[in-house]
C-alpha atoms as a PDB file:
ATOM      1  CA  UNK A   1     -40.840  90.371 121.413  1.00  0.00           C
ATOM      2  CA  UNK A   2     -37.755  93.694 122.209  1.00  0.00           C
ATOM      3  CA  UNK A   3     -34.443  92.876 122.579  1.00  0.00           C
ATOM      4  CA  UNK A   4     -32.926  96.427 124.130  1.00  0.00           C
ATOM      5  CA  UNK A   5     -29.388  94.846 122.802  1.00  0.00           C
ATOM      6  CA  UNK A   6     -31.187  95.785 119.305  1.00  0.00           C
ATOM      7  CA  UNK A   7     -32.834  98.893 120.357  1.00  0.00           C
ATOM      8  CA  UNK A   8     -32.084 102.688 119.921  1.00  0.00           C
ATOM      9  CA  UNK A   9     -31.393 104.327 122.987  1.00  0.00           C
ATOM     10  CA  UNK A  10     -32.560 108.123 123.952  1.00  0.00           C
ATOM     11  CA  UNK A  11     -31.506 110.666 126.387  1.00  0.00           C
ATOM     12  CA  UNK A  12     -33.965 113.022 127.478  1.00  0.00           C
ATOM     13  CA  UNK A  13     -33.164 115.533 129.662  1.00  0.00           C
ATOM     14  CA  UNK A  14     -35.803 118.241 131.414  1.00  0.00           C
ATOM     15  CA  UNK A  15     -35.483 121.130 133.082  1.00  0.00           C
ATOM     16  CA  UNK A  16     -37.790 124.048 134.892  1.00  0.00           C
ATOM     17  CA  UNK A  17     -36.371 127.414 133.661  1.00  0.00           C
ATOM     18  CA  UNK A  18     -36.852 130.779 135.088  1.00  0.00           C
ATOM     19  CA  UNK A  19     -36.703 132.082 131.984  1.00  0.00           C
ATOM     20  CA  UNK A  20     -39.647 133.300 129.267  1.00  0.00           C
ATOM     21  CA  UNK A  21     -40.043 130.890 126.280  1.00  0.00           C
ATOM     22  CA  UNK A  22     -38.991 134.213 123.887  1.00  0.00           C
ATOM     23  CA  UNK A  23     -35.280 134.468 126.047  1.00  0.00           C
ATOM     24  CA  UNK A  24     -34.772 130.661 125.943  1.00  0.00           C
ATOM     25  CA  UNK A  25     -35.373 130.325 122.120  1.00  0.00           C
ATOM     26  CA  UNK A  26     -33.119 133.102 121.332  1.00  0.00           C
ATOM     27  CA  UNK A  27     -30.185 131.455 123.473  1.00  0.00           C
ATOM     28  CA  UNK A  28     -30.890 128.179 121.322  1.00  0.00           C
ATOM     29  CA  UNK A  29     -31.146 129.708 117.616  1.00  0.00           C
ATOM     30  CA  UNK A  30     -28.411 132.687 118.319  1.00  0.00           C
ATOM     31  CA  UNK A  31     -24.950 131.375 116.568  1.00  0.00           C
ATOM     32  CA  UNK A  32     -23.029 133.750 119.224  1.00  0.00           C
ATOM     33  CA  UNK A  33     -25.334 132.917 122.002  1.00  0.00           C
ATOM     34  CA  UNK A  34     -25.561 128.484 121.111  1.00  0.00           C
ATOM     35  CA  UNK A  35     -21.536 128.857 120.979  1.00  0.00           C
ATOM     36  CA  UNK A  36     -21.415 130.221 124.950  1.00  0.00           C
ATOM     37  CA  UNK A  37     -23.635 127.310 126.617  1.00  0.00           C
ATOM     38  CA  UNK A  38     -23.469 124.486 123.609  1.00  0.00           C
ATOM     39  CA  UNK A  39     -20.298 124.995 121.221  1.00  0.00           C
ATOM     40  CA  UNK A  40     -19.364 126.879 118.036  1.00  0.00           C
ATOM     41  CA  UNK A  41     -21.434 126.676 114.918  1.00  0.00           C
ATOM     42  CA  UNK A  42     -22.835 128.556 111.674  1.00  0.00           C
ATOM     43  CA  UNK A  43     -26.684 127.564 112.575  1.00  0.00           C
ATOM     44  CA  UNK A  44     -29.898 129.244 111.029  1.00  0.00           C
ATOM     45  CA  UNK A  45     -33.235 128.423 112.378  1.00  0.00           C
ATOM     46  CA  UNK A  46     -34.768 127.557 108.904  1.00  0.00           C
ATOM     47  CA  UNK A  47     -35.688 124.111 107.803  1.00  0.00           C
ATOM     48  CA  UNK A  48     -33.879 122.436 105.563  1.00  0.00           C
ATOM     49  CA  UNK A  49     -30.638 124.376 106.920  1.00  0.00           C
ATOM     50  CA  UNK A  50     -26.900 122.197 106.808  1.00  0.00           C
ATOM     51  CA  UNK A  51     -24.790 123.381 109.925  1.00  0.00           C
ATOM     52  CA  UNK A  52     -22.141 122.092 111.734  1.00  0.00           C
ATOM     53  CA  UNK A  53     -21.263 122.244 115.760  1.00  0.00           C
ATOM     54  CA  UNK A  54     -17.832 121.935 116.445  1.00  0.00           C
ATOM     55  CA  UNK A  55     -16.446 120.251 119.375  1.00  0.00           C
ATOM     56  CA  UNK A  56     -13.708 121.126 121.444  1.00  0.00           C
ATOM     57  CA  UNK A  57     -12.545 117.950 121.672  1.00  0.00           C
ATOM     58  CA  UNK A  58     -11.753 117.926 117.680  1.00  0.00           C
ATOM     59  CA  UNK A  59     -14.935 116.492 116.378  1.00  0.00           C
ATOM     60  CA  UNK A  60     -17.339 118.042 113.913  1.00  0.00           C
ATOM     61  CA  UNK A  61     -21.033 117.534 113.603  1.00  0.00           C
ATOM     62  CA  UNK A  62     -23.179 117.848 110.506  1.00  0.00           C
ATOM     63  CA  UNK A  63     -26.406 119.076 111.059  1.00  0.00           C
ATOM     64  CA  UNK A  64     -29.538 119.999 109.789  1.00  0.00           C
ATOM     65  CA  UNK A  65     -32.813 121.921 110.395  1.00  0.00           C
ATOM     66  CA  UNK A  66     -35.828 119.388 111.150  1.00  0.00           C
ATOM     67  CA  UNK A  67     -38.079 121.696 112.326  1.00  0.00           C
ATOM     68  CA  UNK A  68     -38.544 125.469 113.964  1.00  0.00           C
ATOM     69  CA  UNK A  69     -41.622 125.837 115.629  1.00  0.00           C
ATOM     70  CA  UNK A  70     -40.636 129.763 116.995  1.00  0.00           C
ATOM     71  CA  UNK A  71     -41.055 129.753 120.928  1.00  0.00           C
ATOM     72  CA  UNK A  72     -42.149 126.046 121.448  1.00  0.00           C
ATOM     73  CA  UNK A  73     -40.206 123.534 119.285  1.00  0.00           C
ATOM     74  CA  UNK A  74     -36.501 123.008 117.485  1.00  0.00           C
ATOM     75  CA  UNK A  75     -35.065 119.951 115.788  1.00  0.00           C
ATOM     76  CA  UNK A  76     -32.174 118.986 113.818  1.00  0.00           C
ATOM     77  CA  UNK A  77     -29.982 116.419 113.092  1.00  0.00           C
ATOM     78  CA  UNK A  78     -26.810 115.232 115.037  1.00  0.00           C
ATOM     79  CA  UNK A  79     -24.552 113.142 113.307  1.00  0.00           C
ATOM     80  CA  UNK A  80     -20.967 112.569 113.864  1.00  0.00           C
ATOM     81  CA  UNK A  81     -18.991 110.450 110.993  1.00  0.00           C
ATOM     82  CA  UNK A  82     -16.444 107.775 112.220  1.00  0.00           C
ATOM     83  CA  UNK A  83     -14.978 105.055 111.065  1.00  0.00           C
ATOM     84  CA  UNK A  84     -16.054 103.140 114.016  1.00  0.00           C
ATOM     85  CA  UNK A  85     -19.266 102.523 114.139  1.00  0.00           C
ATOM     86  CA  UNK A  86     -19.471 102.782 118.033  1.00  0.00           C
ATOM     87  CA  UNK A  87     -19.047 106.329 117.373  1.00  0.00           C
ATOM     88  CA  UNK A  88     -20.573 106.627 113.981  1.00  0.00           C
ATOM     89  CA  UNK A  89     -23.702 108.708 115.255  1.00  0.00           C
ATOM     90  CA  UNK A  90     -26.657 109.559 113.460  1.00  0.00           C
ATOM     91  CA  UNK A  91     -29.079 111.031 116.083  1.00  0.00           C
ATOM     92  CA  UNK A  92     -31.567 114.025 116.373  1.00  0.00           C
ATOM     93  CA  UNK A  93     -32.300 116.167 118.471  1.00  0.00           C
ATOM     94  CA  UNK A  94     -35.618 117.741 119.856  1.00  0.00           C
ATOM     95  CA  UNK A  95     -35.661 120.752 122.013  1.00  0.00           C
ATOM     96  CA  UNK A  96     -39.400 121.103 123.080  1.00  0.00           C
ATOM     97  CA  UNK A  97     -40.457 124.701 125.277  1.00  0.00           C
ATOM     98  CA  UNK A  98     -43.665 124.754 127.229  1.00  0.00           C
ATOM     99  CA  UNK A  99     -44.526 127.907 128.997  1.00  0.00           C
ATOM    100  CA  UNK A 100     -45.044 127.438 132.945  1.00  0.00           C
ATOM    101  CA  UNK A 101     -46.098 130.063 135.555  1.00  0.00           C
ATOM    102  CA  UNK A 102     -42.959 131.054 136.687  1.00  0.00           C
ATOM    103  CA  UNK A 103     -41.086 130.102 133.440  1.00  0.00           C
ATOM    104  CA  UNK A 104     -40.242 127.802 130.891  1.00  0.00           C
ATOM    105  CA  UNK A 105     -40.361 123.853 130.663  1.00  0.00           C
ATOM    106  CA  UNK A 106     -37.834 122.307 128.492  1.00  0.00           C
ATOM    107  CA  UNK A 107     -36.959 119.172 127.135  1.00  0.00           C
ATOM    108  CA  UNK A 108     -34.587 118.430 125.251  1.00  0.00           C
ATOM    109  CA  UNK A 109     -34.549 114.655 123.443  1.00  0.00           C
ATOM    110  CA  UNK A 110     -31.244 113.221 121.550  1.00  0.00           C
ATOM    111  CA  UNK A 111     -32.718 110.215 119.726  1.00  0.00           C
ATOM    112  CA  UNK A 112     -30.735 107.828 117.444  1.00  0.00           C
ATOM    113  CA  UNK A 113     -27.807 105.832 119.747  1.00  0.00           C
ATOM    114  CA  UNK A 114     -27.398 102.357 118.550  1.00  0.00           C
ATOM    115  CA  UNK A 115     -26.668  99.729 121.429  1.00  0.00           C
ATOM    116  CA  UNK A 116     -22.827  99.415 120.065  1.00  0.00           C
ATOM    117  CA  UNK A 117     -22.424 102.900 121.272  1.00  0.00           C
ATOM    118  CA  UNK A 118     -22.726 102.964 124.550  1.00  0.00           C
ATOM    119  CA  UNK A 119     -19.951 105.911 125.276  1.00  0.00           C
ATOM    120  CA  UNK A 120     -21.482 108.105 122.647  1.00  0.00           C
ATOM    121  CA  UNK A 121     -24.986 107.608 124.705  1.00  0.00           C
ATOM    122  CA  UNK A 122     -23.509 108.110 128.137  1.00  0.00           C
ATOM    123  CA  UNK A 123     -21.882 110.743 126.987  1.00  0.00           C
ATOM    124  CA  UNK A 124     -24.659 112.504 125.750  1.00  0.00           C
ATOM    125  CA  UNK A 125     -26.454 111.446 129.385  1.00  0.00           C
ATOM    126  CA  UNK A 126     -23.039 113.869 131.035  1.00  0.00           C
ATOM    127  CA  UNK A 127     -22.965 116.018 128.569  1.00  0.00           C
ATOM    128  CA  UNK A 128     -26.352 117.381 128.005  1.00  0.00           C
ATOM    129  CA  UNK A 129     -26.823 118.565 131.728  1.00  0.00           C
ATOM    130  CA  UNK A 130     -23.815 120.370 131.813  1.00  0.00           C
ATOM    131  CA  UNK A 131     -24.694 121.741 128.762  1.00  0.00           C
ATOM    132  CA  UNK A 132     -28.359 123.183 130.522  1.00  0.00           C
ATOM    133  CA  UNK A 133     -26.163 124.351 133.449  1.00  0.00           C
ATOM    134  CA  UNK A 134     -24.109 126.852 131.026  1.00  0.00           C
ATOM    135  CA  UNK A 135     -26.982 127.550 129.271  1.00  0.00           C
ATOM    136  CA  UNK A 136     -28.939 128.783 132.309  1.00  0.00           C
ATOM    137  CA  UNK A 137     -26.258 130.966 134.050  1.00  0.00           C
ATOM    138  CA  UNK A 138     -26.206 132.034 130.117  1.00  0.00           C
ATOM    139  CA  UNK A 139     -30.156 133.229 130.409  1.00  0.00           C
ATOM    140  CA  UNK A 140     -29.439 134.701 134.012  1.00  0.00           C
ATOM    141  CA  UNK A 141     -26.591 137.307 132.861  1.00  0.00           C
ATOM    142  CA  UNK A 142     -28.204 138.333 129.670  1.00  0.00           C
ATOM    143  CA  UNK A 143     -31.088 140.623 128.876  1.00  0.00           C
END
């Protein structure tokens, strides 16, 4: 029997992007571009690389690259240490890029939200679509 009160939750956001996977990949993996649509970071697309993402609200996410398949898949941990278990997040973000006749289908999955992390889950559900709006604006104005 599944008990939804004890199951981890996942946020999935999918978008059709009118740019090729290679251009989208650059925006997902180049630190100066990531900063424009997501947050400040010291990212490098290398498995095992540990990096931080600094949020506008003052939080610092501790991350580690888990998978890199250029122009196809990028996965990293997205962890926030916090004394309150409701905010002590241990999650994984995975981007999947699939070429389409008109650009790229982008799928982002953030998994690992525990049942008591309703606010963090809700924040991710609201935040990722906003990040993707900024990502699309960045792609539209860059070469």
